[in-house]
Amino acid sequence: RLVGLGALLIAQAVPLAAQQIPAAELPASGTDTGLEGKYDA
């Protein structure tokens, strides 16, 4: 789990322009966008 964390955090350090996320992969309105949602402990 810690090795996977490192990969996720490093991937996050590389900027990804919002327009690179295909519209089909964006969450539907009112769903979890990262700014709102349930905390995953």
ModelCIF file with pLDDT and N, C-alpha, C, O atoms, coordinates in Angstrom:
data_MODEL
#
_entry.id   MODEL 
#
_entity.id                         1 
_entity.type                       polymer 
_entity.pdbx_number_of_molecules   1 
#
_entity_poly.entity_id                      1 
_entity_poly.type                           'polypeptide(L)' 
_entity_poly.nstd_linkage                   no 
_entity_poly.nstd_monomer                   no 
_entity_poly.pdbx_seq_one_letter_code       RLVGLGALLIAQAVPLAAQQIPAAELPASGTDTGLEGKYDA 
_entity_poly.pdbx_seq_one_letter_code_can   RLVGLGALLIAQAVPLAAQQIPAAELPASGTDTGLEGKYDA 
_entity_poly.pdbx_strand_id                 A 
#
loop_
_entity_poly_seq.entity_id 
_entity_poly_seq.num 
_entity_poly_seq.mon_id 
_entity_poly_seq.hetero 
1 1  ARG n 
1 2  LEU n 
1 3  VAL n 
1 4  GLY n 
1 5  LEU n 
1 6  GLY n 
1 7  ALA n 
1 8  LEU n 
1 9  LEU n 
1 10 ILE n 
1 11 ALA n 
1 12 GLN n 
1 13 ALA n 
1 14 VAL n 
1 15 PRO n 
1 16 LEU n 
1 17 ALA n 
1 18 ALA n 
1 19 GLN n 
1 20 GLN n 
1 21 ILE n 
1 22 PRO n 
1 23 ALA n 
1 24 ALA n 
1 25 GLU n 
1 26 LEU n 
1 27 PRO n 
1 28 ALA n 
1 29 SER n 
1 30 GLY n 
1 31 THR n 
1 32 ASP n 
1 33 THR n 
1 34 GLY n 
1 35 LEU n 
1 36 GLU n 
1 37 GLY n 
1 38 LYS n 
1 39 TYR n 
1 40 ASP n 
1 41 ALA n 
#
_struct_asym.id          A 
_struct_asym.entity_id   1 
#
loop_
_ma_qa_metric.id 
_ma_qa_metric.mode 
_ma_qa_metric.name 
_ma_qa_metric.software_group_id 
_ma_qa_metric.type 
1 global pLDDT . pLDDT 
2 local  pLDDT . pLDDT 
#
_ma_qa_metric_global.metric_id      1 
_ma_qa_metric_global.metric_value   54.37 
_ma_qa_metric_global.model_id       1 
_ma_qa_metric_global.ordinal_id     1 
#
loop_
_ma_qa_metric_local.label_asym_id 
_ma_qa_metric_local.label_comp_id 
_ma_qa_metric_local.label_seq_id 
_ma_qa_metric_local.metric_id 
_ma_qa_metric_local.metric_value 
_ma_qa_metric_local.model_id 
_ma_qa_metric_local.ordinal_id 
A ARG 1  2 49.00 1 1  
A LEU 2  2 47.00 1 2  
A VAL 3  2 46.00 1 3  
A GLY 4  2 47.00 1 4  
A LEU 5  2 48.00 1 5  
A GLY 6  2 48.00 1 6  
A ALA 7  2 43.00 1 7  
A LEU 8  2 44.00 1 8  
A LEU 9  2 46.00 1 9  
A ILE 10 2 43.00 1 10 
A ALA 11 2 43.00 1 11 
A GLN 12 2 44.00 1 12 
A ALA 13 2 45.00 1 13 
A VAL 14 2 43.00 1 14 
A PRO 15 2 41.00 1 15 
A LEU 16 2 36.00 1 16 
A ALA 17 2 36.00 1 17 
A ALA 18 2 36.00 1 18 
A GLN 19 2 35.00 1 19 
A GLN 20 2 42.00 1 20 
A ILE 21 2 42.00 1 21 
A PRO 22 2 47.00 1 22 
A ALA 23 2 47.00 1 23 
A ALA 24 2 52.00 1 24 
A GLU 25 2 49.00 1 25 
A LEU 26 2 44.00 1 26 
A PRO 27 2 47.00 1 27 
A ALA 28 2 49.00 1 28 
A SER 29 2 47.00 1 29 
A GLY 30 2 46.00 1 30 
A THR 31 2 53.00 1 31 
A ASP 32 2 68.00 1 32 
A THR 33 2 75.00 1 33 
A GLY 34 2 74.00 1 34 
A LEU 35 2 88.00 1 35 
A GLU 36 2 87.00 1 36 
A GLY 37 2 87.00 1 37 
A LYS 38 2 89.00 1 38 
A TYR 39 2 91.00 1 39 
A ASP 40 2 92.00 1 40 
A ALA 41 2 93.00 1 41 
#
loop_
_atom_site.group_PDB 
_atom_site.id 
_atom_site.type_symbol 
_atom_site.label_atom_id 
_atom_site.label_alt_id 
_atom_site.label_comp_id 
_atom_site.label_asym_id 
_atom_site.label_entity_id 
_atom_site.label_seq_id 
_atom_site.pdbx_PDB_ins_code 
_atom_site.Cartn_x 
_atom_site.Cartn_y 
_atom_site.Cartn_z 
_atom_site.occupancy 
_atom_site.B_iso_or_equiv 
_atom_site.pdbx_formal_charge 
_atom_site.auth_seq_id 
_atom_site.auth_comp_id 
_atom_site.auth_asym_id 
_atom_site.auth_atom_id 
_atom_site.pdbx_PDB_model_num 
ATOM 1   N N  . ARG A 1 1  ? 0.831   -1.203 0.000   1.00 49.00 ? 1  ARG A N  1 
ATOM 2   C CA . ARG A 1 1  ? 0.000   0.000  0.000   1.00 49.00 ? 1  ARG A CA 1 
ATOM 3   C C  . ARG A 1 1  ? 0.863   1.249  0.000   1.00 49.00 ? 1  ARG A C  1 
ATOM 4   O O  . ARG A 1 1  ? 0.508   2.245  -0.631  1.00 49.00 ? 1  ARG A O  1 
ATOM 5   N N  . LEU A 1 2  ? 2.002   1.212  0.705   1.00 47.00 ? 2  LEU A N  1 
ATOM 6   C CA . LEU A 1 2  ? 2.885   2.374  0.748   1.00 47.00 ? 2  LEU A CA 1 
ATOM 7   C C  . LEU A 1 2  ? 3.564   2.585  -0.591  1.00 47.00 ? 2  LEU A C  1 
ATOM 8   O O  . LEU A 1 2  ? 3.738   3.729  -1.010  1.00 47.00 ? 2  LEU A O  1 
ATOM 9   N N  . VAL A 1 3  ? 3.955   1.513  -1.279  1.00 46.00 ? 3  VAL A N  1 
ATOM 10  C CA . VAL A 1 3  ? 4.569   1.637  -2.593  1.00 46.00 ? 3  VAL A CA 1 
ATOM 11  C C  . VAL A 1 3  ? 3.574   2.272  -3.552  1.00 46.00 ? 3  VAL A C  1 
ATOM 12  O O  . VAL A 1 3  ? 3.939   3.151  -4.332  1.00 46.00 ? 3  VAL A O  1 
ATOM 13  N N  . GLY A 1 4  ? 2.320   1.834  -3.502  1.00 47.00 ? 4  GLY A N  1 
ATOM 14  C CA . GLY A 1 4  ? 1.282   2.422  -4.344  1.00 47.00 ? 4  GLY A CA 1 
ATOM 15  C C  . GLY A 1 4  ? 1.076   3.892  -4.041  1.00 47.00 ? 4  GLY A C  1 
ATOM 16  O O  . GLY A 1 4  ? 0.831   4.684  -4.951  1.00 47.00 ? 4  GLY A O  1 
ATOM 17  N N  . LEU A 1 5  ? 1.173   4.270  -2.762  1.00 48.00 ? 5  LEU A N  1 
ATOM 18  C CA . LEU A 1 5  ? 1.035   5.668  -2.373  1.00 48.00 ? 5  LEU A CA 1 
ATOM 19  C C  . LEU A 1 5  ? 2.096   6.510  -3.054  1.00 48.00 ? 5  LEU A C  1 
ATOM 20  O O  . LEU A 1 5  ? 1.802   7.588  -3.572  1.00 48.00 ? 5  LEU A O  1 
ATOM 21  N N  . GLY A 1 6  ? 3.322   6.027  -3.055  1.00 48.00 ? 6  GLY A N  1 
ATOM 22  C CA . GLY A 1 6  ? 4.404   6.777  -3.688  1.00 48.00 ? 6  GLY A CA 1 
ATOM 23  C C  . GLY A 1 6  ? 4.120   7.025  -5.154  1.00 48.00 ? 6  GLY A C  1 
ATOM 24  O O  . GLY A 1 6  ? 4.335   8.133  -5.647  1.00 48.00 ? 6  GLY A O  1 
ATOM 25  N N  . ALA A 1 7  ? 3.638   6.006  -5.864  1.00 43.00 ? 7  ALA A N  1 
ATOM 26  C CA . ALA A 1 7  ? 3.321   6.165  -7.284  1.00 43.00 ? 7  ALA A CA 1 
ATOM 27  C C  . ALA A 1 7  ? 2.224   7.199  -7.485  1.00 43.00 ? 7  ALA A C  1 
ATOM 28  O O  . ALA A 1 7  ? 2.311   8.025  -8.393  1.00 43.00 ? 7  ALA A O  1 
ATOM 29  N N  . LEU A 1 8  ? 1.188   7.162  -6.642  1.00 44.00 ? 8  LEU A N  1 
ATOM 30  C CA . LEU A 1 8  ? 0.104   8.129  -6.767  1.00 44.00 ? 8  LEU A CA 1 
ATOM 31  C C  . LEU A 1 8  ? 0.588   9.542  -6.486  1.00 44.00 ? 8  LEU A C  1 
ATOM 32  O O  . LEU A 1 8  ? 0.226   10.479 -7.197  1.00 44.00 ? 8  LEU A O  1 
ATOM 33  N N  . LEU A 1 9  ? 1.402   9.696  -5.457  1.00 46.00 ? 9  LEU A N  1 
ATOM 34  C CA . LEU A 1 9  ? 1.864   11.030 -5.081  1.00 46.00 ? 9  LEU A CA 1 
ATOM 35  C C  . LEU A 1 9  ? 2.821   11.602 -6.106  1.00 46.00 ? 9  LEU A C  1 
ATOM 36  O O  . LEU A 1 9  ? 2.795   12.803 -6.377  1.00 46.00 ? 9  LEU A O  1 
ATOM 37  N N  . ILE A 1 10 ? 3.667   10.758 -6.681  1.00 43.00 ? 10 ILE A N  1 
ATOM 38  C CA . ILE A 1 10 ? 4.587   11.231 -7.713  1.00 43.00 ? 10 ILE A CA 1 
ATOM 39  C C  . ILE A 1 10 ? 3.798   11.592 -8.961  1.00 43.00 ? 10 ILE A C  1 
ATOM 40  O O  . ILE A 1 10 ? 4.075   12.610 -9.596  1.00 43.00 ? 10 ILE A O  1 
ATOM 41  N N  . ALA A 1 11 ? 2.828   10.776 -9.318  1.00 43.00 ? 11 ALA A N  1 
ATOM 42  C CA . ALA A 1 11 ? 1.994   11.093 -10.477 1.00 43.00 ? 11 ALA A CA 1 
ATOM 43  C C  . ALA A 1 11 ? 1.310   12.434 -10.266 1.00 43.00 ? 11 ALA A C  1 
ATOM 44  O O  . ALA A 1 11 ? 1.137   13.205 -11.210 1.00 43.00 ? 11 ALA A O  1 
ATOM 45  N N  . GLN A 1 12 ? 0.925   12.710 -9.031  1.00 44.00 ? 12 GLN A N  1 
ATOM 46  C CA . GLN A 1 12 ? 0.255   13.966 -8.734  1.00 44.00 ? 12 GLN A CA 1 
ATOM 47  C C  . GLN A 1 12 ? 1.203   15.144 -8.891  1.00 44.00 ? 12 GLN A C  1 
ATOM 48  O O  . GLN A 1 12 ? 0.759   16.249 -9.203  1.00 44.00 ? 12 GLN A O  1 
ATOM 49  N N  . ALA A 1 13 ? 2.487   14.937 -8.683  1.00 45.00 ? 13 ALA A N  1 
ATOM 50  C CA . ALA A 1 13 ? 3.451   16.033 -8.768  1.00 45.00 ? 13 ALA A CA 1 
ATOM 51  C C  . ALA A 1 13 ? 3.658   16.494 -10.206 1.00 45.00 ? 13 ALA A C  1 
ATOM 52  O O  . ALA A 1 13 ? 4.208   17.571 -10.433 1.00 45.00 ? 13 ALA A O  1 
ATOM 53  N N  . VAL A 1 14 ? 3.226   15.696 -11.179 1.00 43.00 ? 14 VAL A N  1 
ATOM 54  C CA . VAL A 1 14 ? 3.338   16.071 -12.578 1.00 43.00 ? 14 VAL A CA 1 
ATOM 55  C C  . VAL A 1 14 ? 2.025   16.708 -12.991 1.00 43.00 ? 14 VAL A C  1 
ATOM 56  O O  . VAL A 1 14 ? 1.001   16.024 -13.025 1.00 43.00 ? 14 VAL A O  1 
ATOM 57  N N  . PRO A 1 15 ? 2.021   18.008 -13.310 1.00 41.00 ? 15 PRO A N  1 
ATOM 58  C CA . PRO A 1 15 ? 0.766   18.670 -13.628 1.00 41.00 ? 15 PRO A CA 1 
ATOM 59  C C  . PRO A 1 15 ? 0.064   18.030 -14.819 1.00 41.00 ? 15 PRO A C  1 
ATOM 60  O O  . PRO A 1 15 ? 0.705   17.627 -15.790 1.00 41.00 ? 15 PRO A O  1 
ATOM 61  N N  . LEU A 1 16 ? -1.247  17.943 -14.733 1.00 36.00 ? 16 LEU A N  1 
ATOM 62  C CA . LEU A 1 16 ? -2.084  17.438 -15.812 1.00 36.00 ? 16 LEU A CA 1 
ATOM 63  C C  . LEU A 1 16 ? -3.132  18.492 -16.075 1.00 36.00 ? 16 LEU A C  1 
ATOM 64  O O  . LEU A 1 16 ? -3.963  18.771 -15.210 1.00 36.00 ? 16 LEU A O  1 
ATOM 65  N N  . ALA A 1 17 ? -3.108  19.076 -17.242 1.00 36.00 ? 17 ALA A N  1 
ATOM 66  C CA . ALA A 1 17 ? -4.069  20.126 -17.558 1.00 36.00 ? 17 ALA A CA 1 
ATOM 67  C C  . ALA A 1 17 ? -5.473  19.551 -17.544 1.00 36.00 ? 17 ALA A C  1 
ATOM 68  O O  . ALA A 1 17 ? -5.696  18.430 -18.002 1.00 36.00 ? 17 ALA A O  1 
ATOM 69  N N  . ALA A 1 18 ? -6.416  20.316 -17.020 1.00 36.00 ? 18 ALA A N  1 
ATOM 70  C CA . ALA A 1 18 ? -7.790  19.837 -16.916 1.00 36.00 ? 18 ALA A CA 1 
ATOM 71  C C  . ALA A 1 18 ? -8.339  19.418 -18.272 1.00 36.00 ? 18 ALA A C  1 
ATOM 72  O O  . ALA A 1 18 ? -9.112  18.464 -18.357 1.00 36.00 ? 18 ALA A O  1 
ATOM 73  N N  . GLN A 1 19 ? -7.946  20.124 -19.342 1.00 35.00 ? 19 GLN A N  1 
ATOM 74  C CA . GLN A 1 19 ? -8.475  19.767 -20.637 1.00 35.00 ? 19 GLN A CA 1 
ATOM 75  C C  . GLN A 1 19 ? -7.954  18.425 -21.126 1.00 35.00 ? 19 GLN A C  1 
ATOM 76  O O  . GLN A 1 19 ? -8.480  17.904 -22.110 1.00 35.00 ? 19 GLN A O  1 
ATOM 77  N N  . GLN A 1 20 ? -6.947  17.840 -20.487 1.00 42.00 ? 20 GLN A N  1 
ATOM 78  C CA . GLN A 1 20 ? -6.450  16.530 -20.876 1.00 42.00 ? 20 GLN A CA 1 
ATOM 79  C C  . GLN A 1 20 ? -7.322  15.409 -20.323 1.00 42.00 ? 20 GLN A C  1 
ATOM 80  O O  . GLN A 1 20 ? -7.211  14.269 -20.774 1.00 42.00 ? 20 GLN A O  1 
ATOM 81  N N  . ILE A 1 21 ? -8.176  15.703 -19.369 1.00 42.00 ? 21 ILE A N  1 
ATOM 82  C CA . ILE A 1 21 ? -9.066  14.686 -18.830 1.00 42.00 ? 21 ILE A CA 1 
ATOM 83  C C  . ILE A 1 21 ? -10.266 14.593 -19.768 1.00 42.00 ? 21 ILE A C  1 
ATOM 84  O O  . ILE A 1 21 ? -11.018 15.559 -19.902 1.00 42.00 ? 21 ILE A O  1 
ATOM 85  N N  . PRO A 1 22 ? -10.457 13.441 -20.421 1.00 47.00 ? 22 PRO A N  1 
ATOM 86  C CA . PRO A 1 22 ? -11.595 13.318 -21.332 1.00 47.00 ? 22 PRO A CA 1 
ATOM 87  C C  . PRO A 1 22 ? -12.903 13.570 -20.588 1.00 47.00 ? 22 PRO A C  1 
ATOM 88  O O  . PRO A 1 22 ? -13.068 13.159 -19.439 1.00 47.00 ? 22 PRO A O  1 
ATOM 89  N N  . ALA A 1 23 ? -13.819 14.245 -21.251 1.00 47.00 ? 23 ALA A N  1 
ATOM 90  C CA . ALA A 1 23 ? -15.100 14.594 -20.636 1.00 47.00 ? 23 ALA A CA 1 
ATOM 91  C C  . ALA A 1 23 ? -15.808 13.367 -20.102 1.00 47.00 ? 23 ALA A C  1 
ATOM 92  O O  . ALA A 1 23 ? -16.485 13.442 -19.076 1.00 47.00 ? 23 ALA A O  1 
ATOM 93  N N  . ALA A 1 24 ? -15.666 12.233 -20.781 1.00 52.00 ? 24 ALA A N  1 
ATOM 94  C CA . ALA A 1 24 ? -16.336 11.005 -20.345 1.00 52.00 ? 24 ALA A CA 1 
ATOM 95  C C  . ALA A 1 24 ? -15.812 10.516 -18.997 1.00 52.00 ? 24 ALA A C  1 
ATOM 96  O O  . ALA A 1 24 ? -16.504 9.780  -18.293 1.00 52.00 ? 24 ALA A O  1 
ATOM 97  N N  . GLU A 1 25 ? -14.582 10.924 -18.630 1.00 49.00 ? 25 GLU A N  1 
ATOM 98  C CA . GLU A 1 25 ? -13.988 10.479 -17.367 1.00 49.00 ? 25 GLU A CA 1 
ATOM 99  C C  . GLU A 1 25 ? -14.255 11.434 -16.218 1.00 49.00 ? 25 GLU A C  1 
ATOM 100 O O  . GLU A 1 25 ? -13.983 11.098 -15.065 1.00 49.00 ? 25 GLU A O  1 
ATOM 101 N N  . LEU A 1 26 ? -14.779 12.613 -16.506 1.00 44.00 ? 26 LEU A N  1 
ATOM 102 C CA . LEU A 1 26 ? -15.095 13.562 -15.439 1.00 44.00 ? 26 LEU A CA 1 
ATOM 103 C C  . LEU A 1 26 ? -16.347 13.099 -14.719 1.00 44.00 ? 26 LEU A C  1 
ATOM 104 O O  . LEU A 1 26 ? -17.249 12.543 -15.346 1.00 44.00 ? 26 LEU A O  1 
ATOM 105 N N  . PRO A 1 27 ? -16.421 13.320 -13.393 1.00 47.00 ? 27 PRO A N  1 
ATOM 106 C CA . PRO A 1 27 ? -17.610 12.892 -12.657 1.00 47.00 ? 27 PRO A CA 1 
ATOM 107 C C  . PRO A 1 27 ? -18.838 13.693 -13.059 1.00 47.00 ? 27 PRO A C  1 
ATOM 108 O O  . PRO A 1 27 ? -18.740 14.848 -13.474 1.00 47.00 ? 27 PRO A O  1 
ATOM 109 N N  . ALA A 1 28 ? -19.990 13.061 -12.927 1.00 49.00 ? 28 ALA A N  1 
ATOM 110 C CA . ALA A 1 28 ? -21.251 13.745 -13.207 1.00 49.00 ? 28 ALA A CA 1 
ATOM 111 C C  . ALA A 1 28 ? -21.437 14.867 -12.198 1.00 49.00 ? 28 ALA A C  1 
ATOM 112 O O  . ALA A 1 28 ? -20.897 14.814 -11.093 1.00 49.00 ? 28 ALA A O  1 
ATOM 113 N N  . SER A 1 29 ? -22.189 15.867 -12.575 1.00 47.00 ? 29 SER A N  1 
ATOM 114 C CA . SER A 1 29 ? -22.454 16.988 -11.684 1.00 47.00 ? 29 SER A CA 1 
ATOM 115 C C  . SER A 1 29 ? -23.022 16.490 -10.363 1.00 47.00 ? 29 SER A C  1 
ATOM 116 O O  . SER A 1 29 ? -23.908 15.635 -10.344 1.00 47.00 ? 29 SER A O  1 
ATOM 117 N N  . GLY A 1 30 ? -22.515 17.022 -9.268  1.00 46.00 ? 30 GLY A N  1 
ATOM 118 C CA . GLY A 1 30 ? -23.007 16.652 -7.947  1.00 46.00 ? 30 GLY A CA 1 
ATOM 119 C C  . GLY A 1 30 ? -22.312 15.443 -7.355  1.00 46.00 ? 30 GLY A C  1 
ATOM 120 O O  . GLY A 1 30 ? -22.633 15.053 -6.232  1.00 46.00 ? 30 GLY A O  1 
ATOM 121 N N  . THR A 1 31 ? -21.368 14.828 -8.068  1.00 53.00 ? 31 THR A N  1 
ATOM 122 C CA . THR A 1 31 ? -20.661 13.681 -7.513  1.00 53.00 ? 31 THR A CA 1 
ATOM 123 C C  . THR A 1 31 ? -19.297 14.119 -7.016  1.00 53.00 ? 31 THR A C  1 
ATOM 124 O O  . THR A 1 31 ? -18.950 15.298 -7.096  1.00 53.00 ? 31 THR A O  1 
ATOM 125 N N  . ASP A 1 32 ? -18.527 13.176 -6.504  1.00 68.00 ? 32 ASP A N  1 
ATOM 126 C CA . ASP A 1 32 ? -17.230 13.459 -5.891  1.00 68.00 ? 32 ASP A CA 1 
ATOM 127 C C  . ASP A 1 32 ? -16.243 14.037 -6.903  1.00 68.00 ? 32 ASP A C  1 
ATOM 128 O O  . ASP A 1 32 ? -15.894 13.376 -7.881  1.00 68.00 ? 32 ASP A O  1 
ATOM 129 N N  . THR A 1 33 ? -15.801 15.251 -6.671  1.00 75.00 ? 33 THR A N  1 
ATOM 130 C CA . THR A 1 33 ? -14.816 15.898 -7.539  1.00 75.00 ? 33 THR A CA 1 
ATOM 131 C C  . THR A 1 33 ? -13.496 16.112 -6.818  1.00 75.00 ? 33 THR A C  1 
ATOM 132 O O  . THR A 1 33 ? -12.559 16.677 -7.381  1.00 75.00 ? 33 THR A O  1 
ATOM 133 N N  . GLY A 1 34 ? -13.424 15.668 -5.584  1.00 74.00 ? 34 GLY A N  1 
ATOM 134 C CA . GLY A 1 34 ? -12.223 15.890 -4.794  1.00 74.00 ? 34 GLY A CA 1 
ATOM 135 C C  . GLY A 1 34 ? -12.325 17.103 -3.902  1.00 74.00 ? 34 GLY A C  1 
ATOM 136 O O  . GLY A 1 34 ? -11.697 17.137 -2.844  1.00 74.00 ? 34 GLY A O  1 
ATOM 137 N N  . LEU A 1 35 ? -13.098 18.105 -4.295  1.00 88.00 ? 35 LEU A N  1 
ATOM 138 C CA . LEU A 1 35 ? -13.295 19.260 -3.429  1.00 88.00 ? 35 LEU A CA 1 
ATOM 139 C C  . LEU A 1 35 ? -14.417 19.002 -2.443  1.00 88.00 ? 35 LEU A C  1 
ATOM 140 O O  . LEU A 1 35 ? -14.480 19.633 -1.388  1.00 88.00 ? 35 LEU A O  1 
ATOM 141 N N  . GLU A 1 36 ? -15.291 18.089 -2.777  1.00 87.00 ? 36 GLU A N  1 
ATOM 142 C CA . GLU A 1 36 ? -16.372 17.685 -1.885  1.00 87.00 ? 36 GLU A CA 1 
ATOM 143 C C  . GLU A 1 36 ? -16.468 16.177 -1.938  1.00 87.00 ? 36 GLU A C  1 
ATOM 144 O O  . GLU A 1 36 ? -16.112 15.559 -2.941  1.00 87.00 ? 36 GLU A O  1 
ATOM 145 N N  . GLY A 1 37 ? -16.941 15.597 -0.877  1.00 87.00 ? 37 GLY A N  1 
ATOM 146 C CA . GLY A 1 37 ? -17.088 14.154 -0.842  1.00 87.00 ? 37 GLY A CA 1 
ATOM 147 C C  . GLY A 1 37 ? -16.711 13.619 0.519   1.00 87.00 ? 37 GLY A C  1 
ATOM 148 O O  . GLY A 1 37 ? -16.331 14.367 1.420   1.00 87.00 ? 37 GLY A O  1 
ATOM 149 N N  . LYS A 1 38 ? -16.823 12.323 0.651   1.00 89.00 ? 38 LYS A N  1 
ATOM 150 C CA . LYS A 1 38 ? -16.529 11.655 1.916   1.00 89.00 ? 38 LYS A CA 1 
ATOM 151 C C  . LYS A 1 38 ? -15.024 11.401 2.038   1.00 89.00 ? 38 LYS A C  1 
ATOM 152 O O  . LYS A 1 38 ? -14.369 11.012 1.071   1.00 89.00 ? 38 LYS A O  1 
ATOM 153 N N  . TYR A 1 39 ? -14.495 11.624 3.225   1.00 91.00 ? 39 TYR A N  1 
ATOM 154 C CA . TYR A 1 39 ? -13.080 11.351 3.486   1.00 91.00 ? 39 TYR A CA 1 
ATOM 155 C C  . TYR A 1 39 ? -12.865 9.849  3.567   1.00 91.00 ? 39 TYR A C  1 
ATOM 156 O O  . TYR A 1 39 ? -13.630 9.142  4.223   1.00 91.00 ? 39 TYR A O  1 
ATOM 157 N N  . ASP A 1 40 ? -11.830 9.363  2.905   1.00 92.00 ? 40 ASP A N  1 
ATOM 158 C CA . ASP A 1 40 ? -11.472 7.944  2.932   1.00 92.00 ? 40 ASP A CA 1 
ATOM 159 C C  . ASP A 1 40 ? -10.330 7.754  3.923   1.00 92.00 ? 40 ASP A C  1 
ATOM 160 O O  . ASP A 1 40 ? -9.188  8.109  3.633   1.00 92.00 ? 40 ASP A O  1 
ATOM 161 N N  . ALA A 1 41 ? -10.635 7.194  5.090   1.00 93.00 ? 41 ALA A N  1 
ATOM 162 C CA . ALA A 1 41 ? -9.621  6.999  6.134   1.00 93.00 ? 41 ALA A CA 1 
ATOM 163 C C  . ALA A 1 41 ? -8.589  5.942  5.745   1.00 93.00 ? 41 ALA A C  1 
ATOM 164 O O  . ALA A 1 41 ? -7.671  5.663  6.516   1.00 93.00 ? 41 ALA A O  1 
#
